[in-house]
Amino acid sequence: MIFHSRKPEDLEMPLDGFLQAITPIDLFYVRSHHYTPTVEAESFSLKVSGEVGTPVALSLKDLKKMPRIELVGVMECAGNGRSFYSPRLPGLQWSHGGVGNARWAGVRLADVLKKAGVKASAKHILFDGADVPVGTMPKFQRTIPIKKALDPDTMLAFEMNGQPLPQSHGAPLRVVVPGWGGDCWVKWLTGIQALDKEFEGFFMKTGYRHPGKGVPPGTAVDPAQMKPVESMRVKSVIATPKDSIVFPQGMSRVAGAAWSGEVPLAKVEVSLDGGRSWNPARLTSSNGRWGWQTWDYAWNATPGSYRVQARATDASGYTQPSEQEWNPSGYLWNAVQTVRAEVLPLQMTSYRSSCLGCHNEDLIRGQKLTRAQWEREVEKMMRWGAQVPAEQKANLIDYLAARYKP
């Protein structure tokens, strides 16, 4: 994991995580505004109040007696990708890995609200966790509109990837809001309140707000002129090849993961020439409506320098932009990612691994030998320990003779 903060705990998933259809718990990113609390499952109680007919307090056992649901869903921090914005913005400097894809299990939020007799006057649902603010920070509380709260896929989860919810991920109970930013997925949930109006707390009226459009870089925007972050945007991430990689010619692949928000993912395309042309990638997983899809593209890599890109498109036809619109909090980054790769001829690959591991190139460049001389020199170096595969010996001699000839 990439550590952004140990206390509070903020951890980023490495790029290799995007090659897995389901993110292992030990690779799943962690975002915490306050210190991690300990909530005992045995004494846990979820209080439901506000615009309801009958306020209730439910134990974990009570919740587990209710109809169980499961789904695979992507949770992404609204600030994922913030480190790529220019000019720079304060906040956690996520690169690509402030996101994960897990199998969640729990009960429908709608069923819990129905049990308490939620009233028609309820417009927003407020979530309150057990975490205690650091210093004089505001308490982390978020709301979602009643329509999203009553969606049959909005969940109160007590399991993650078939295990009891881990402490870092909100044990014993957290909110799961598929398609929406991780700021809505409140952890260590202990209270639900049905409200008849928008919540006035800091993390709704000031934090996690977006202007809904791009603004000139560096522009300050009054929070009152922005709206709460809700649905995430369609996005893809390249896990392999890594940026600035050098590798030999031959069959290779471009691979990663892609996901979307309220609108389903439709397709992923790959470009090897910096976006001048695009080729369809193959979706390689089946994670349902809310999960990410792994994808790959077979590449017969020939020698040259490449700008590898991947872009995802949702079912409405919206495609990742080549340039990111700027906003004052660094939210919802989804610009097309570019990975630079250099593919070497087989001869040069052998040269780099067999020769430059021991010698500086200046020493080799000064030789200026005939092919026969290079052949004797390579055989001598092999006797002295140079690791030259037998099938690459002739190619290496040809390369040296052509590049460093008399």
Foldseek 3Di string as FASTA:
>chain_A
DDFQDVFQGWAFAALVQQQDQFRPPVRATFDDQHHQDDDDLVPAWAWEEAQFDAIDIDHPVRQVVADKDKAKFKAAAQQACQLVDPPHADDRNHRHGRMGIWMFMTAQLLVVRVVRHHDPLFFKKKWAAPGDHDDPDFGQMDIDTPVQSNPRPWGWTQDINRHGQDSSRAPRTWTDRFQWHNSRTGHRTRYMYGDNDDDPDCCFQPNQWWQPFFDPPPDDDHSVNTHHGTGAAKAWDWSPPAAPEEEAFAKDKTKGKIAGGPFGWDFKWKDFALPPDTDGWAFDDPRPRRGITITMDIDRDDFDKTWMKMWTATPVGDIAACDDGDTNRNGRDHHIDTGIYGYDYLLVVLCCQQPVVPDDVVVLLPPQDALVVLLVVVVVVVVVPGDGPPVNSVSNSVVSNVRRHD
